[in-house]
Structures are given as structure tokens and as C-alpha cells.
């Protein structure tokens, strides 16, 4: 048997086994390197948040106003410093 043919047969067997595993576990057969797609990540985080009971943190209108006022103050100070240079 030719060496290249043997390697090709082994690769095809590995591929077939990976596809069978993906079918059994419900995973995608082809997963490449890198970040997962947004839909999958969003579903997992929503499910995790529901399990742990954590809710999304939200700012009150008063808190938002305090932050906006502080930022305006910082911007004014920075603009004042740049004007004096």
C-alpha cells in the first residue's frame, strides 16, 4: 500500500469519526479557530444569566445625569487647558 494513500485513508476516517461525534453531541462538525459566532455566544450568556439569577445592571436617570455632568466638566477643563497652550 502506498504511504500517501494510507495517510489519506487515515484522514478520511478521522473526518468521518469527527462528523459522527458532532452528530451525537449536537455540535457543529466544522469548528475552526477563533471566536464563536455571535448567535451562539449570546444564547449561552442568556442561558447562563437565567441560571445564575443575575440581571442586567441599568443606570437610573439620576445616575446617568451625574455621569453626563461629570464628563461635561472634564471636557470643559480639557478644552480650557488646550486653549491656554
PDB file of N, CA and C in Angstrom:
ATOM      1  N   UNK A   1       0.840  -1.177   0.000  1.00  0.00           N
ATOM      2  CA  UNK A   1       0.000   0.000   0.000  1.00  0.00           C
ATOM      3  C   UNK A   1       0.887   1.242   0.000  1.00  0.00           C
ATOM      4  N   UNK A   2       0.486   2.239  -0.754  1.00  0.00           N
ATOM      5  CA  UNK A   2       1.253   3.470  -0.879  1.00  0.00           C
ATOM      6  C   UNK A   2       1.118   4.312   0.399  1.00  0.00           C
ATOM      7  N   UNK A   3       2.200   4.954   0.812  1.00  0.00           N
ATOM      8  CA  UNK A   3       2.208   5.753   2.030  1.00  0.00           C
ATOM      9  C   UNK A   3       1.196   6.898   1.969  1.00  0.00           C
ATOM     10  N   UNK A   4       1.140   7.620   0.859  1.00  0.00           N
ATOM     11  CA  UNK A   4       0.209   8.739   0.719  1.00  0.00           C
ATOM     12  C   UNK A   4      -1.243   8.268   0.782  1.00  0.00           C
ATOM     13  N   UNK A   5      -1.512   7.124   0.207  1.00  0.00           N
ATOM     14  CA  UNK A   5      -2.873   6.581   0.225  1.00  0.00           C
ATOM     15  C   UNK A   5      -3.262   6.194   1.654  1.00  0.00           C
ATOM     16  N   UNK A   6      -2.321   5.630   2.396  1.00  0.00           N
ATOM     17  CA  UNK A   6      -2.569   5.254   3.781  1.00  0.00           C
ATOM     18  C   UNK A   6      -2.884   6.491   4.635  1.00  0.00           C
ATOM     19  N   UNK A   7      -2.116   7.559   4.454  1.00  0.00           N
ATOM     20  CA  UNK A   7      -2.355   8.808   5.188  1.00  0.00           C
ATOM     21  C   UNK A   7      -3.713   9.377   4.813  1.00  0.00           C
ATOM     22  N   UNK A   8      -4.058   9.326   3.541  1.00  0.00           N
ATOM     23  CA  UNK A   8      -5.360   9.830   3.074  1.00  0.00           C
ATOM     24  C   UNK A   8      -6.511   9.030   3.701  1.00  0.00           C
ATOM     25  N   UNK A   9      -6.378   7.742   3.784  1.00  0.00           N
ATOM     26  CA  UNK A   9      -7.424   6.902   4.387  1.00  0.00           C
ATOM     27  C   UNK A   9      -7.567   7.187   5.890  1.00  0.00           C
ATOM     28  N   UNK A  10      -6.449   7.405   6.560  1.00  0.00           N
ATOM     29  CA  UNK A  10      -6.500   7.736   7.982  1.00  0.00           C
ATOM     30  C   UNK A  10      -7.207   9.081   8.174  1.00  0.00           C
ATOM     31  N   UNK A  11      -6.868  10.062   7.336  1.00  0.00           N
ATOM     32  CA  UNK A  11      -7.514  11.377   7.423  1.00  0.00           C
ATOM     33  C   UNK A  11      -9.015  11.285   7.172  1.00  0.00           C
ATOM     34  N   UNK A  12      -9.405  10.489   6.198  1.00  0.00           N
ATOM     35  CA  UNK A  12     -10.832  10.364   5.912  1.00  0.00           C
ATOM     36  C   UNK A  12     -11.563   9.656   7.062  1.00  0.00           C
ATOM     37  N   UNK A  13     -10.913   8.698   7.692  1.00  0.00           N
ATOM     38  CA  UNK A  13     -11.515   8.016   8.848  1.00  0.00           C
ATOM     39  C   UNK A  13     -11.670   8.982  10.027  1.00  0.00           C
ATOM     40  N   UNK A  14     -10.657   9.818  10.264  1.00  0.00           N
ATOM     41  CA  UNK A  14     -10.737  10.819  11.330  1.00  0.00           C
ATOM     42  C   UNK A  14     -11.893  11.774  11.054  1.00  0.00           C
ATOM     43  N   UNK A  15     -12.003  12.213   9.820  1.00  0.00           N
ATOM     44  CA  UNK A  15     -13.091  13.128   9.456  1.00  0.00           C
ATOM     45  C   UNK A  15     -14.454  12.490   9.683  1.00  0.00           C
ATOM     46  N   UNK A  16     -14.588  11.231   9.298  1.00  0.00           N
ATOM     47  CA  UNK A  16     -15.859  10.516   9.473  1.00  0.00           C
ATOM     48  C   UNK A  16     -16.199  10.384  10.955  1.00  0.00           C
ATOM     49  N   UNK A  17     -15.201  10.072  11.777  1.00  0.00           N
ATOM     50  CA  UNK A  17     -15.433   9.945  13.220  1.00  0.00           C
ATOM     51  C   UNK A  17     -15.787  11.291  13.861  1.00  0.00           C
ATOM     52  N   UNK A  18     -15.163  12.363  13.399  1.00  0.00           N
ATOM     53  CA  UNK A  18     -15.491  13.689  13.926  1.00  0.00           C
ATOM     54  C   UNK A  18     -16.927  14.079  13.577  1.00  0.00           C
ATOM     55  N   UNK A  19     -17.368  13.726  12.377  1.00  0.00           N
ATOM     56  CA  UNK A  19     -18.744  14.018  11.983  1.00  0.00           C
ATOM     57  C   UNK A  19     -19.729  13.212  12.827  1.00  0.00           C
ATOM     58  N   UNK A  20     -19.408  11.970  13.092  1.00  0.00           N
ATOM     59  CA  UNK A  20     -20.273  11.135  13.917  1.00  0.00           C
ATOM     60  C   UNK A  20     -20.338  11.686  15.343  1.00  0.00           C
ATOM     61  N   UNK A  21     -19.213  12.124  15.869  1.00  0.00           N
ATOM     62  CA  UNK A  21     -19.187  12.709  17.210  1.00  0.00           C
ATOM     63  C   UNK A  21     -20.017  13.987  17.260  1.00  0.00           C
ATOM     64  N   UNK A  22     -19.906  14.806  16.225  1.00  0.00           N
ATOM     65  CA  UNK A  22     -20.665  16.050  16.184  1.00  0.00           C
ATOM     66  C   UNK A  22     -22.165  15.773  16.145  1.00  0.00           C
ATOM     67  N   UNK A  23     -22.564  14.759  15.433  1.00  0.00           N
ATOM     68  CA  UNK A  23     -23.979  14.407  15.385  1.00  0.00           C
ATOM     69  C   UNK A  23     -24.478  13.926  16.748  1.00  0.00           C
ATOM     70  N   UNK A  24     -23.646  13.169  17.443  1.00  0.00           N
ATOM     71  CA  UNK A  24     -24.043  12.639  18.743  1.00  0.00           C
ATOM     72  C   UNK A  24     -24.092  13.715  19.825  1.00  0.00           C
ATOM     73  N   UNK A  25     -23.154  14.650  19.773  1.00  0.00           N
ATOM     74  CA  UNK A  25     -23.100  15.679  20.807  1.00  0.00           C
ATOM     75  C   UNK A  25     -23.904  16.917  20.457  1.00  0.00           C
ATOM     76  N   UNK A  26     -24.323  17.047  19.210  1.00  0.00           N
ATOM     77  CA  UNK A  26     -25.095  18.214  18.790  1.00  0.00           C
ATOM     78  C   UNK A  26     -24.235  19.415  18.466  1.00  0.00           C
ATOM     79  N   UNK A  27     -22.961  19.239  18.309  1.00  0.00           N
ATOM     80  CA  UNK A  27     -22.046  20.318  17.955  1.00  0.00           C
ATOM     81  C   UNK A  27     -21.941  20.437  16.453  1.00  0.00           C
ATOM     82  N   UNK A  28     -21.415  21.546  16.021  1.00  0.00           N
ATOM     83  CA  UNK A  28     -21.151  21.748  14.604  1.00  0.00           C
ATOM     84  C   UNK A  28     -19.959  20.872  14.215  1.00  0.00           C
ATOM     85  N   UNK A  29     -20.033  20.278  13.035  1.00  0.00           N
ATOM     86  CA  UNK A  29     -18.968  19.386  12.598  1.00  0.00           C
ATOM     87  C   UNK A  29     -17.692  20.153  12.300  1.00  0.00           C
ATOM     88  N   UNK A  30     -17.806  21.348  11.746  1.00  0.00           N
ATOM     89  CA  UNK A  30     -16.638  22.135  11.387  1.00  0.00           C
ATOM     90  C   UNK A  30     -16.504  23.296  12.356  1.00  0.00           C
ATOM     91  N   UNK A  31     -15.513  23.235  13.205  1.00  0.00           N
ATOM     92  CA  UNK A  31     -15.219  24.356  14.092  1.00  0.00           C
ATOM     93  C   UNK A  31     -13.790  24.759  13.856  1.00  0.00           C
ATOM     94  N   UNK A  32     -13.610  25.981  13.434  1.00  0.00           N
ATOM     95  CA  UNK A  32     -12.276  26.479  13.180  1.00  0.00           C
ATOM     96  C   UNK A  32     -11.764  27.268  14.366  1.00  0.00           C
ATOM     97  N   UNK A  33     -10.555  27.753  14.253  1.00  0.00           N
ATOM     98  CA  UNK A  33     -10.007  28.566  15.326  1.00  0.00           C
ATOM     99  C   UNK A  33     -10.699  29.925  15.381  1.00  0.00           C
ATOM    100  N   UNK A  34     -10.652  30.571  16.519  1.00  0.00           N
ATOM    101  CA  UNK A  34     -11.212  31.918  16.641  1.00  0.00           C
ATOM    102  C   UNK A  34     -12.427  31.956  17.521  1.00  0.00           C
ATOM    103  N   UNK A  35     -13.048  33.149  17.526  1.00  0.00           N
ATOM    104  CA  UNK A  35     -14.225  33.364  18.367  1.00  0.00           C
ATOM    105  C   UNK A  35     -15.448  32.659  17.803  1.00  0.00           C
ATOM    106  N   UNK A  36     -16.349  32.231  18.659  1.00  0.00           N
ATOM    107  CA  UNK A  36     -17.593  31.639  18.167  1.00  0.00           C
ATOM    108  C   UNK A  36     -18.488  32.713  17.577  1.00  0.00           C
ATOM    109  N   UNK A  37     -19.439  32.311  16.776  1.00  0.00           N
ATOM    110  CA  UNK A  37     -20.361  33.252  16.162  1.00  0.00           C
ATOM    111  C   UNK A  37     -21.190  33.942  17.233  1.00  0.00           C
ATOM    112  N   UNK A  38     -21.687  35.125  16.930  1.00  0.00           N
ATOM    113  CA  UNK A  38     -22.403  35.946  17.911  1.00  0.00           C
ATOM    114  C   UNK A  38     -23.669  35.256  18.407  1.00  0.00           C
ATOM    115  N   UNK A  39     -24.385  34.590  17.550  1.00  0.00           N
ATOM    116  CA  UNK A  39     -25.631  33.957  17.959  1.00  0.00           C
ATOM    117  C   UNK A  39     -25.424  32.907  19.024  1.00  0.00           C
ATOM    118  N   UNK A  40     -24.419  32.101  18.862  1.00  0.00           N
ATOM    119  CA  UNK A  40     -24.132  31.048  19.827  1.00  0.00           C
ATOM    120  C   UNK A  40     -23.690  31.644  21.158  1.00  0.00           C
ATOM    121  N   UNK A  41     -22.831  32.629  21.114  1.00  0.00           N
ATOM    122  CA  UNK A  41     -22.337  33.256  22.338  1.00  0.00           C
ATOM    123  C   UNK A  41     -23.469  33.943  23.088  1.00  0.00           C
ATOM    124  N   UNK A  42     -24.359  34.601  22.369  1.00  0.00           N
ATOM    125  CA  UNK A  42     -25.466  35.307  23.010  1.00  0.00           C
ATOM    126  C   UNK A  42     -26.402  34.325  23.686  1.00  0.00           C
ATOM    127  N   UNK A  43     -26.685  33.226  23.023  1.00  0.00           N
ATOM    128  CA  UNK A  43     -27.579  32.229  23.607  1.00  0.00           C
ATOM    129  C   UNK A  43     -26.986  31.658  24.888  1.00  0.00           C
ATOM    130  N   UNK A  44     -25.689  31.407  24.884  1.00  0.00           N
ATOM    131  CA  UNK A  44     -25.049  30.827  26.063  1.00  0.00           C
ATOM    132  C   UNK A  44     -25.059  31.810  27.224  1.00  0.00           C
ATOM    133  N   UNK A  45     -24.769  33.087  26.975  1.00  0.00           N
ATOM    134  CA  UNK A  45     -24.737  34.053  28.065  1.00  0.00           C
ATOM    135  C   UNK A  45     -26.135  34.293  28.614  1.00  0.00           C
ATOM    136  N   UNK A  46     -27.142  34.303  27.766  1.00  0.00           N
ATOM    137  CA  UNK A  46     -28.511  34.499  28.244  1.00  0.00           C
ATOM    138  C   UNK A  46     -28.941  33.309  29.106  1.00  0.00           C
ATOM    139  N   UNK A  47     -28.573  32.119  28.676  1.00  0.00           N
ATOM    140  CA  UNK A  47     -28.921  30.924  29.445  1.00  0.00           C
ATOM    141  C   UNK A  47     -28.168  30.909  30.766  1.00  0.00           C
ATOM    142  N   UNK A  48     -26.918  31.308  30.745  1.00  0.00           N
ATOM    143  CA  UNK A  48     -26.120  31.344  31.970  1.00  0.00           C
ATOM    144  C   UNK A  48     -26.677  32.378  32.943  1.00  0.00           C
ATOM    145  N   UNK A  49     -27.061  33.544  32.436  1.00  0.00           N
ATOM    146  CA  UNK A  49     -27.606  34.590  33.303  1.00  0.00           C
ATOM    147  C   UNK A  49     -28.927  34.140  33.914  1.00  0.00           C
ATOM    148  N   UNK A  50     -29.731  33.423  33.143  1.00  0.00           N
ATOM    149  CA  UNK A  50     -31.006  32.946  33.659  1.00  0.00           C
ATOM    150  C   UNK A  50     -30.791  31.913  34.771  1.00  0.00           C
ATOM    151  N   UNK A  51     -29.766  31.091  34.614  1.00  0.00           N
ATOM    152  CA  UNK A  51     -29.490  30.065  35.623  1.00  0.00           C
ATOM    153  C   UNK A  51     -28.971  30.675  36.921  1.00  0.00           C
ATOM    154  N   UNK A  52     -28.085  31.660  36.801  1.00  0.00           N
ATOM    155  CA  UNK A  52     -27.469  32.219  37.987  1.00  0.00           C
ATOM    156  C   UNK A  52     -28.333  33.277  38.652  1.00  0.00           C
ATOM    157  N   UNK A  53     -29.350  33.767  37.973  1.00  0.00           N
ATOM    158  CA  UNK A  53     -30.248  34.759  38.550  1.00  0.00           C
ATOM    159  C   UNK A  53     -29.710  36.176  38.461  1.00  0.00           C
ATOM    160  N   UNK A  54     -28.606  36.380  37.738  1.00  0.00           N
ATOM    161  CA  UNK A  54     -28.047  37.717  37.597  1.00  0.00           C
ATOM    162  C   UNK A  54     -28.850  38.480  36.554  1.00  0.00           C
ATOM    163  N   UNK A  55     -29.139  39.741  36.890  1.00  0.00           N
ATOM    164  CA  UNK A  55     -29.865  40.573  35.948  1.00  0.00           C
ATOM    165  C   UNK A  55     -28.932  41.623  35.385  1.00  0.00           C
ATOM    166  N   UNK A  56     -29.305  42.162  34.244  1.00  0.00           N
ATOM    167  CA  UNK A  56     -28.520  43.205  33.621  1.00  0.00           C
ATOM    168  C   UNK A  56     -28.592  44.466  34.479  1.00  0.00           C
ATOM    169  N   UNK A  57     -27.457  45.097  34.702  1.00  0.00           N
ATOM    170  CA  UNK A  57     -27.422  46.303  35.513  1.00  0.00           C
ATOM    171  C   UNK A  57     -27.799  47.498  34.656  1.00  0.00           C
ATOM    172  N   UNK A  58     -28.641  48.356  35.183  1.00  0.00           N
ATOM    173  CA  UNK A  58     -29.097  49.519  34.443  1.00  0.00           C
ATOM    174  C   UNK A  58     -28.875  50.767  35.271  1.00  0.00           C
ATOM    175  N   UNK A  59     -28.616  51.874  34.568  1.00  0.00           N
ATOM    176  CA  UNK A  59     -28.426  53.156  35.235  1.00  0.00           C
ATOM    177  C   UNK A  59     -29.765  53.836  35.442  1.00  0.00           C
ATOM    178  N   UNK A  60     -29.908  54.471  36.571  1.00  0.00           N
ATOM    179  CA  UNK A  60     -31.104  55.279  36.796  1.00  0.00           C
ATOM    180  C   UNK A  60     -30.913  56.605  36.049  1.00  0.00           C
ATOM    181  N   UNK A  61     -31.966  57.306  35.762  1.00  0.00           N
ATOM    182  CA  UNK A  61     -31.826  58.611  35.092  1.00  0.00           C
ATOM    183  C   UNK A  61     -30.942  59.578  35.897  1.00  0.00           C
ATOM    184  N   UNK A  62     -31.019  59.511  37.225  1.00  0.00           N
ATOM    185  CA  UNK A  62     -30.177  60.382  38.046  1.00  0.00           C
ATOM    186  C   UNK A  62     -28.701  60.025  37.894  1.00  0.00           C
ATOM    187  N   UNK A  63     -28.418  58.747  37.907  1.00  0.00           N
ATOM    188  CA  UNK A  63     -27.037  58.299  37.737  1.00  0.00           C
ATOM    189  C   UNK A  63     -26.486  58.678  36.379  1.00  0.00           C
ATOM    190  N   UNK A  64     -27.309  58.541  35.356  1.00  0.00           N
ATOM    191  CA  UNK A  64     -26.896  58.911  34.004  1.00  0.00           C
ATOM    192  C   UNK A  64     -26.593  60.407  33.926  1.00  0.00           C
ATOM    193  N   UNK A  65     -27.422  61.217  34.598  1.00  0.00           N
ATOM    194  CA  UNK A  65     -27.224  62.666  34.598  1.00  0.00           C
ATOM    195  C   UNK A  65     -25.928  63.021  35.327  1.00  0.00           C
ATOM    196  N   UNK A  66     -25.638  62.349  36.455  1.00  0.00           N
ATOM    197  CA  UNK A  66     -24.394  62.616  37.179  1.00  0.00           C
ATOM    198  C   UNK A  66     -23.172  62.324  36.306  1.00  0.00           C
ATOM    199  N   UNK A  67     -23.220  61.214  35.603  1.00  0.00           N
ATOM    200  CA  UNK A  67     -22.095  60.850  34.738  1.00  0.00           C
ATOM    201  C   UNK A  67     -21.948  61.854  33.602  1.00  0.00           C
ATOM    202  N   UNK A  68     -23.065  62.251  32.984  1.00  0.00           N
ATOM    203  CA  UNK A  68     -23.019  63.213  31.886  1.00  0.00           C
ATOM    204  C   UNK A  68     -22.464  64.554  32.365  1.00  0.00           C
ATOM    205  N   UNK A  69     -22.886  65.018  33.545  1.00  0.00           N
ATOM    206  CA  UNK A  69     -22.384  66.279  34.081  1.00  0.00           C
ATOM    207  C   UNK A  69     -20.886  66.201  34.360  1.00  0.00           C
ATOM    208  N   UNK A  70     -20.440  65.078  34.907  1.00  0.00           N
ATOM    209  CA  UNK A  70     -19.010  64.903  35.191  1.00  0.00           C
ATOM    210  C   UNK A  70     -18.191  64.914  33.905  1.00  0.00           C
ATOM    211  N   UNK A  71     -18.699  64.271  32.858  1.00  0.00           N
ATOM    212  CA  UNK A  71     -17.981  64.252  31.579  1.00  0.00           C
ATOM    213  C   UNK A  71     -17.921  65.654  30.976  1.00  0.00           C
ATOM    214  N   UNK A  72     -19.017  66.405  31.058  1.00  0.00           N
ATOM    215  CA  UNK A  72     -19.020  67.775  30.525  1.00  0.00           C
ATOM    216  C   UNK A  72     -17.991  68.622  31.268  1.00  0.00           C
ATOM    217  N   UNK A  73     -17.893  68.410  32.578  1.00  0.00           N
ATOM    218  CA  UNK A  73     -16.925  69.156  33.378  1.00  0.00           C
ATOM    219  C   UNK A  73     -15.500  68.810  32.944  1.00  0.00           C
ATOM    220  N   UNK A  74     -15.221  67.524  32.742  1.00  0.00           N
ATOM    221  CA  UNK A  74     -13.882  67.101  32.292  1.00  0.00           C
ATOM    222  C   UNK A  74     -13.550  67.685  30.927  1.00  0.00           C
ATOM    223  N   UNK A  75     -14.522  67.643  30.010  1.00  0.00           N
ATOM    224  CA  UNK A  75     -14.294  68.174  28.665  1.00  0.00           C
ATOM    225  C   UNK A  75     -14.021  69.674  28.715  1.00  0.00           C
ATOM    226  N   UNK A  76     -14.750  70.387  29.576  1.00  0.00           N
ATOM    227  CA  UNK A  76     -14.543  71.825  29.700  1.00  0.00           C
ATOM    228  C   UNK A  76     -13.142  72.117  30.238  1.00  0.00           C
ATOM    229  N   UNK A  77     -12.703  71.357  31.239  1.00  0.00           N
ATOM    230  CA  UNK A  77     -11.355  71.550  31.787  1.00  0.00           C
ATOM    231  C   UNK A  77     -10.289  71.265  30.743  1.00  0.00           C
ATOM    232  N   UNK A  78     -10.475  70.204  29.982  1.00  0.00           N
ATOM    233  CA  UNK A  78      -9.506  69.853  28.941  1.00  0.00           C
ATOM    234  C   UNK A  78      -9.461  70.927  27.851  1.00  0.00           C
ATOM    235  N   UNK A  79     -10.620  71.426  27.472  1.00  0.00           N
ATOM    236  CA  UNK A  79     -10.687  72.468  26.444  1.00  0.00           C
ATOM    237  C   UNK A  79     -10.013  73.741  26.945  1.00  0.00           C
ATOM    238  N   UNK A  80     -10.203  74.036  28.235  1.00  0.00           N
ATOM    239  CA  UNK A  80      -9.586  75.204  28.834  1.00  0.00           C
ATOM    240  C   UNK A  80      -8.071  75.070  28.836  1.00  0.00           C
ATOM    241  N   UNK A  81      -7.563  73.874  29.153  1.00  0.00           N
ATOM    242  CA  UNK A  81      -6.117  73.639  29.164  1.00  0.00           C
ATOM    243  C   UNK A  81      -5.535  73.728  27.757  1.00  0.00           C
ATOM    244  N   UNK A  82      -6.237  73.223  26.773  1.00  0.00           N
ATOM    245  CA  UNK A  82      -5.744  73.273  25.391  1.00  0.00           C
ATOM    246  C   UNK A  82      -5.750  74.701  24.868  1.00  0.00           C
ATOM    247  N   UNK A  83      -6.697  75.501  25.302  1.00  0.00           N
ATOM    248  CA  UNK A  83      -6.758  76.891  24.851  1.00  0.00           C
ATOM    249  C   UNK A  83      -5.628  77.722  25.409  1.00  0.00           C
ATOM    250  N   UNK A  84      -5.128  77.388  26.595  1.00  0.00           N
ATOM    251  CA  UNK A  84      -4.065  78.167  27.227  1.00  0.00           C
ATOM    252  C   UNK A  84      -2.687  77.802  26.685  1.00  0.00           C
ATOM    253  N   UNK A  85      -2.541  76.704  25.998  1.00  0.00           N
ATOM    254  CA  UNK A  85      -1.237  76.270  25.477  1.00  0.00           C
ATOM    255  C   UNK A  85      -0.830  77.025  24.255  1.00  0.00           C
TER     256      UNK A  85
END
